[in-house]
Amino acid sequence: MGQKRIKGRHAGKLLMLFSAFLSATGQLFWKWGLHQWGYMGVGFVCYGLGALLMIKAFSQEKLSVAYPIMCASYVFAFMYGYFLLDEMITMNKIAAVLLLGIGVTLTSVER
């Protein structure tokens, strides 16, 4: 018995993706925390957990494969901006997110 481990070929990639989600979520809470201090603490917890997951991901995956997946945080921030902060979606932003997605996919897929 002991700690459960995430295993498998894509474990490091999944950890990095979740790290990107937590990092973007932490930053969202920091933005909200500018006006309500309670959110600031939640932001630090999310961001800290994201950092720990990133370290774990690096232990399971090549740096050149895992690190580009952190760009997924831009996608999460894009969605947070639109759905939670009433930010406008422009064609430039859509193109940028699509290019990031293509770049991450090309960088993290190995054969």
N, C-alpha and C. Protein backbone atom coordinates (compact mmCIF):
# COMPACT_ATOMS: atom_id res chain seq x y z
N MET A 1 0.84 -1.16 0.00
CA MET A 1 0.00 0.00 0.00
C MET A 1 0.89 1.23 0.00
N GLY A 2 0.48 2.28 -0.23
CA GLY A 2 1.31 3.48 -0.32
C GLY A 2 0.63 4.44 -1.27
N GLN A 3 1.45 5.26 -1.85
CA GLN A 3 0.87 6.25 -2.74
C GLN A 3 0.50 5.64 -4.08
N LYS A 4 -0.58 6.13 -4.63
CA LYS A 4 -0.99 5.70 -5.96
C LYS A 4 -0.20 6.51 -6.97
N ARG A 5 0.16 5.86 -8.05
CA ARG A 5 0.94 6.55 -9.08
C ARG A 5 0.16 6.59 -10.38
N ILE A 6 0.33 7.67 -11.06
CA ILE A 6 -0.23 7.76 -12.40
C ILE A 6 0.79 7.11 -13.31
N LYS A 7 0.37 6.08 -14.02
CA LYS A 7 1.29 5.36 -14.88
C LYS A 7 0.78 5.42 -16.31
N GLY A 8 1.63 5.01 -17.18
CA GLY A 8 1.24 4.94 -18.57
C GLY A 8 2.11 5.83 -19.43
N ARG A 9 1.95 5.64 -20.68
CA ARG A 9 2.76 6.34 -21.66
C ARG A 9 2.55 7.85 -21.64
N HIS A 10 1.36 8.29 -21.33
CA HIS A 10 1.03 9.71 -21.39
C HIS A 10 0.86 10.35 -20.02
N ALA A 11 1.32 9.69 -18.97
CA ALA A 11 1.11 10.20 -17.61
C ALA A 11 1.74 11.58 -17.42
N GLY A 12 2.97 11.76 -17.87
CA GLY A 12 3.64 13.05 -17.71
C GLY A 12 2.93 14.15 -18.48
N LYS A 13 2.41 13.81 -19.65
CA LYS A 13 1.69 14.79 -20.46
C LYS A 13 0.39 15.20 -19.77
N LEU A 14 -0.31 14.23 -19.20
CA LEU A 14 -1.56 14.53 -18.50
C LEU A 14 -1.31 15.38 -17.26
N LEU A 15 -0.24 15.06 -16.54
CA LEU A 15 0.11 15.87 -15.37
C LEU A 15 0.42 17.30 -15.77
N MET A 16 1.14 17.47 -16.88
CA MET A 16 1.48 18.82 -17.34
C MET A 16 0.23 19.57 -17.79
N LEU A 17 -0.70 18.87 -18.43
CA LEU A 17 -1.94 19.51 -18.84
C LEU A 17 -2.74 19.98 -17.63
N PHE A 18 -2.80 19.15 -16.60
CA PHE A 18 -3.51 19.54 -15.38
C PHE A 18 -2.76 20.68 -14.67
N SER A 19 -1.43 20.66 -14.74
CA SER A 19 -0.63 21.75 -14.19
C SER A 19 -0.97 23.06 -14.90
N ALA A 20 -1.12 23.01 -16.23
CA ALA A 20 -1.48 24.21 -16.99
C ALA A 20 -2.85 24.73 -16.57
N PHE A 21 -3.78 23.80 -16.36
CA PHE A 21 -5.13 24.17 -15.91
C PHE A 21 -5.08 24.86 -14.55
N LEU A 22 -4.34 24.27 -13.61
CA LEU A 22 -4.25 24.84 -12.27
C LEU A 22 -3.54 26.19 -12.28
N SER A 23 -2.52 26.32 -13.11
CA SER A 23 -1.80 27.59 -13.20
C SER A 23 -2.71 28.70 -13.73
N ALA A 24 -3.44 28.41 -14.79
CA ALA A 24 -4.37 29.40 -15.34
C ALA A 24 -5.48 29.72 -14.35
N THR A 25 -5.95 28.71 -13.64
CA THR A 25 -7.00 28.91 -12.64
C THR A 25 -6.48 29.78 -11.50
N GLY A 26 -5.25 29.52 -11.06
CA GLY A 26 -4.65 30.34 -10.03
C GLY A 26 -4.54 31.79 -10.46
N GLN A 27 -4.16 32.02 -11.69
CA GLN A 27 -4.05 33.39 -12.18
C GLN A 27 -5.42 34.06 -12.27
N LEU A 28 -6.44 33.30 -12.63
CA LEU A 28 -7.79 33.85 -12.64
C LEU A 28 -8.19 34.31 -11.24
N PHE A 29 -7.91 33.47 -10.25
CA PHE A 29 -8.23 33.85 -8.87
C PHE A 29 -7.41 35.04 -8.41
N TRP A 30 -6.17 35.16 -8.89
CA TRP A 30 -5.39 36.35 -8.55
C TRP A 30 -6.04 37.60 -9.11
N LYS A 31 -6.55 37.50 -10.33
CA LYS A 31 -7.23 38.66 -10.92
C LYS A 31 -8.45 39.03 -10.07
N TRP A 32 -9.24 38.03 -9.71
CA TRP A 32 -10.38 38.30 -8.84
C TRP A 32 -9.93 38.80 -7.48
N GLY A 33 -8.78 38.34 -7.01
CA GLY A 33 -8.27 38.70 -5.70
C GLY A 33 -7.84 40.15 -5.58
N LEU A 34 -7.75 40.85 -6.71
CA LEU A 34 -7.42 42.26 -6.65
C LEU A 34 -8.49 43.05 -5.90
N HIS A 35 -9.69 42.51 -5.88
CA HIS A 35 -10.81 43.19 -5.23
C HIS A 35 -11.35 42.42 -4.02
N GLN A 36 -11.05 41.13 -3.95
CA GLN A 36 -11.49 40.30 -2.82
C GLN A 36 -10.32 39.41 -2.41
N TRP A 37 -9.72 39.74 -1.28
CA TRP A 37 -8.49 39.08 -0.85
C TRP A 37 -8.61 37.58 -0.65
N GLY A 38 -9.80 37.09 -0.35
CA GLY A 38 -9.97 35.65 -0.17
C GLY A 38 -9.60 34.86 -1.41
N TYR A 39 -9.89 35.45 -2.56
CA TYR A 39 -9.56 34.78 -3.82
C TYR A 39 -8.05 34.68 -4.04
N MET A 40 -7.31 35.63 -3.49
CA MET A 40 -5.86 35.63 -3.67
C MET A 40 -5.25 34.35 -3.09
N GLY A 41 -5.71 33.93 -1.92
CA GLY A 41 -5.21 32.70 -1.30
C GLY A 41 -5.54 31.47 -2.13
N VAL A 42 -6.76 31.41 -2.66
CA VAL A 42 -7.14 30.29 -3.52
C VAL A 42 -6.23 30.25 -4.75
N GLY A 43 -5.93 31.42 -5.28
CA GLY A 43 -5.04 31.50 -6.43
C GLY A 43 -3.65 30.94 -6.13
N PHE A 44 -3.12 31.27 -4.96
CA PHE A 44 -1.81 30.75 -4.59
C PHE A 44 -1.83 29.24 -4.42
N VAL A 45 -2.90 28.71 -3.87
CA VAL A 45 -3.01 27.25 -3.70
C VAL A 45 -3.05 26.57 -5.07
N CYS A 46 -3.88 27.08 -5.98
CA CYS A 46 -3.98 26.50 -7.32
C CYS A 46 -2.64 26.57 -8.05
N TYR A 47 -2.01 27.74 -7.99
CA TYR A 47 -0.74 27.93 -8.68
C TYR A 47 0.34 27.04 -8.08
N GLY A 48 0.35 26.91 -6.77
CA GLY A 48 1.33 26.05 -6.10
C GLY A 48 1.15 24.58 -6.46
N LEU A 49 -0.11 24.13 -6.47
CA LEU A 49 -0.37 22.75 -6.88
C LEU A 49 0.04 22.53 -8.33
N GLY A 50 -0.20 23.51 -9.16
CA GLY A 50 0.22 23.42 -10.56
C GLY A 50 1.73 23.27 -10.67
N ALA A 51 2.47 24.01 -9.85
CA ALA A 51 3.93 23.91 -9.87
C ALA A 51 4.39 22.52 -9.42
N LEU A 52 3.75 21.98 -8.39
CA LEU A 52 4.12 20.63 -7.93
C LEU A 52 3.83 19.58 -9.00
N LEU A 53 2.70 19.71 -9.67
CA LEU A 53 2.39 18.76 -10.74
C LEU A 53 3.36 18.91 -11.91
N MET A 54 3.81 20.12 -12.16
CA MET A 54 4.79 20.32 -13.23
C MET A 54 6.09 19.59 -12.90
N ILE A 55 6.53 19.70 -11.67
CA ILE A 55 7.75 19.00 -11.26
C ILE A 55 7.58 17.50 -11.42
N LYS A 56 6.43 16.98 -11.02
CA LYS A 56 6.17 15.55 -11.17
C LYS A 56 6.14 15.16 -12.65
N ALA A 57 5.54 16.00 -13.49
CA ALA A 57 5.48 15.72 -14.92
C ALA A 57 6.89 15.66 -15.52
N PHE A 58 7.77 16.56 -15.07
CA PHE A 58 9.14 16.56 -15.58
C PHE A 58 9.88 15.28 -15.21
N SER A 59 9.48 14.65 -14.09
CA SER A 59 10.13 13.40 -13.70
C SER A 59 9.66 12.23 -14.55
N GLN A 60 8.55 12.40 -15.25
CA GLN A 60 7.98 11.29 -16.03
C GLN A 60 8.08 11.50 -17.54
N GLU A 61 8.47 12.68 -17.97
CA GLU A 61 8.44 12.98 -19.40
C GLU A 61 9.64 13.84 -19.77
N LYS A 62 10.03 13.77 -21.03
CA LYS A 62 11.12 14.62 -21.52
C LYS A 62 10.71 16.09 -21.42
N LEU A 63 11.66 16.93 -21.10
CA LEU A 63 11.41 18.36 -20.99
C LEU A 63 10.89 18.91 -22.31
N SER A 64 11.48 18.48 -23.41
CA SER A 64 11.08 19.01 -24.73
C SER A 64 9.68 18.58 -25.14
N VAL A 65 9.15 17.58 -24.50
CA VAL A 65 7.79 17.13 -24.78
C VAL A 65 6.82 17.74 -23.78
N ALA A 66 7.19 17.74 -22.50
CA ALA A 66 6.27 18.17 -21.45
C ALA A 66 6.09 19.69 -21.41
N TYR A 67 7.18 20.44 -21.53
CA TYR A 67 7.07 21.88 -21.31
C TYR A 67 6.16 22.59 -22.30
N PRO A 68 6.19 22.26 -23.59
CA PRO A 68 5.27 22.95 -24.51
C PRO A 68 3.79 22.79 -24.15
N ILE A 69 3.46 21.74 -23.41
CA ILE A 69 2.07 21.52 -23.01
C ILE A 69 1.60 22.62 -22.06
N MET A 70 2.54 23.29 -21.39
CA MET A 70 2.15 24.41 -20.51
C MET A 70 1.46 25.52 -21.30
N CYS A 71 1.67 25.55 -22.62
CA CYS A 71 0.98 26.55 -23.45
C CYS A 71 -0.53 26.35 -23.40
N ALA A 72 -0.96 25.20 -22.96
CA ALA A 72 -2.40 24.97 -22.81
C ALA A 72 -2.99 25.96 -21.80
N SER A 73 -2.16 26.50 -20.92
CA SER A 73 -2.67 27.49 -19.97
C SER A 73 -3.22 28.71 -20.71
N TYR A 74 -2.68 29.02 -21.89
CA TYR A 74 -3.22 30.12 -22.69
C TYR A 74 -4.63 29.82 -23.16
N VAL A 75 -4.86 28.57 -23.49
CA VAL A 75 -6.20 28.17 -23.93
C VAL A 75 -7.18 28.29 -22.77
N PHE A 76 -6.77 27.83 -21.60
CA PHE A 76 -7.63 27.94 -20.42
C PHE A 76 -7.90 29.41 -20.09
N ALA A 77 -6.86 30.25 -20.17
CA ALA A 77 -7.03 31.67 -19.89
C ALA A 77 -7.96 32.32 -20.92
N PHE A 78 -7.85 31.90 -22.16
CA PHE A 78 -8.72 32.39 -23.22
C PHE A 78 -10.18 32.08 -22.90
N MET A 79 -10.44 30.85 -22.47
CA MET A 79 -11.81 30.44 -22.14
C MET A 79 -12.29 31.16 -20.87
N TYR A 80 -11.43 31.30 -19.87
CA TYR A 80 -11.81 32.04 -18.66
C TYR A 80 -12.16 33.48 -19.01
N GLY A 81 -11.34 34.08 -19.87
CA GLY A 81 -11.59 35.46 -20.25
C GLY A 81 -12.96 35.63 -20.90
N TYR A 82 -13.31 34.72 -21.77
CA TYR A 82 -14.58 34.82 -22.47
C TYR A 82 -15.77 34.50 -21.55
N PHE A 83 -15.70 33.35 -20.88
CA PHE A 83 -16.85 32.87 -20.11
C PHE A 83 -17.01 33.54 -18.74
N LEU A 84 -15.92 33.92 -18.11
CA LEU A 84 -16.01 34.44 -16.74
C LEU A 84 -15.70 35.93 -16.60
N LEU A 85 -14.99 36.49 -17.58
CA LEU A 85 -14.59 37.89 -17.46
C LEU A 85 -15.18 38.77 -18.55
N ASP A 86 -16.06 38.21 -19.35
CA ASP A 86 -16.74 38.96 -20.42
C ASP A 86 -15.78 39.64 -21.39
N GLU A 87 -14.68 38.97 -21.71
CA GLU A 87 -13.73 39.52 -22.67
C GLU A 87 -14.17 39.14 -24.08
N MET A 88 -13.81 39.97 -25.03
CA MET A 88 -14.17 39.75 -26.43
C MET A 88 -13.28 38.68 -27.05
N ILE A 89 -13.87 37.91 -27.93
CA ILE A 89 -13.10 36.97 -28.75
C ILE A 89 -12.94 37.60 -30.12
N THR A 90 -11.69 37.71 -30.55
CA THR A 90 -11.41 38.26 -31.87
C THR A 90 -10.81 37.18 -32.75
N MET A 91 -10.79 37.44 -34.03
CA MET A 91 -10.19 36.48 -34.96
C MET A 91 -8.70 36.30 -34.66
N ASN A 92 -8.02 37.36 -34.27
CA ASN A 92 -6.60 37.25 -33.92
C ASN A 92 -6.39 36.31 -32.73
N LYS A 93 -7.25 36.43 -31.73
CA LYS A 93 -7.13 35.56 -30.55
C LYS A 93 -7.42 34.12 -30.92
N ILE A 94 -8.43 33.89 -31.75
CA ILE A 94 -8.76 32.53 -32.18
C ILE A 94 -7.59 31.94 -32.97
N ALA A 95 -7.03 32.72 -33.87
CA ALA A 95 -5.89 32.24 -34.66
C ALA A 95 -4.70 31.91 -33.76
N ALA A 96 -4.45 32.76 -32.77
CA ALA A 96 -3.34 32.52 -31.85
C ALA A 96 -3.53 31.24 -31.06
N VAL A 97 -4.74 31.02 -30.56
CA VAL A 97 -5.01 29.80 -29.78
C VAL A 97 -4.91 28.57 -30.67
N LEU A 98 -5.40 28.65 -31.89
CA LEU A 98 -5.27 27.52 -32.82
C LEU A 98 -3.82 27.21 -33.14
N LEU A 99 -3.03 28.23 -33.38
CA LEU A 99 -1.60 28.02 -33.65
C LEU A 99 -0.88 27.42 -32.45
N LEU A 100 -1.23 27.88 -31.25
CA LEU A 100 -0.65 27.29 -30.04
C LEU A 100 -1.02 25.81 -29.94
N GLY A 101 -2.28 25.51 -30.19
CA GLY A 101 -2.72 24.11 -30.13
C GLY A 101 -2.00 23.24 -31.13
N ILE A 102 -1.83 23.73 -32.33
CA ILE A 102 -1.11 22.97 -33.35
C ILE A 102 0.35 22.78 -32.94
N GLY A 103 0.96 23.85 -32.44
CA GLY A 103 2.36 23.76 -32.01
C GLY A 103 2.56 22.78 -30.87
N VAL A 104 1.69 22.81 -29.89
CA VAL A 104 1.79 21.89 -28.76
C VAL A 104 1.61 20.46 -29.24
N THR A 105 0.65 20.24 -30.11
CA THR A 105 0.41 18.89 -30.62
C THR A 105 1.63 18.38 -31.37
N LEU A 106 2.18 19.19 -32.26
CA LEU A 106 3.34 18.77 -33.04
C LEU A 106 4.57 18.53 -32.17
N THR A 107 4.71 19.30 -31.10
CA THR A 107 5.86 19.17 -30.24
C THR A 107 5.74 17.99 -29.29
N SER A 108 4.56 17.68 -28.83
CA SER A 108 4.42 16.66 -27.78
C SER A 108 4.10 15.27 -28.31
N VAL A 109 3.82 15.14 -29.59
CA VAL A 109 3.54 13.81 -30.14
C VAL A 109 4.85 13.18 -30.58
N GLU A 110 5.10 12.00 -30.07
CA GLU A 110 6.30 11.25 -30.45
C GLU A 110 5.89 9.92 -31.05
N ARG A 111 6.71 9.48 -31.96
CA ARG A 111 6.46 8.16 -32.58
C ARG A 111 7.58 7.23 -32.29
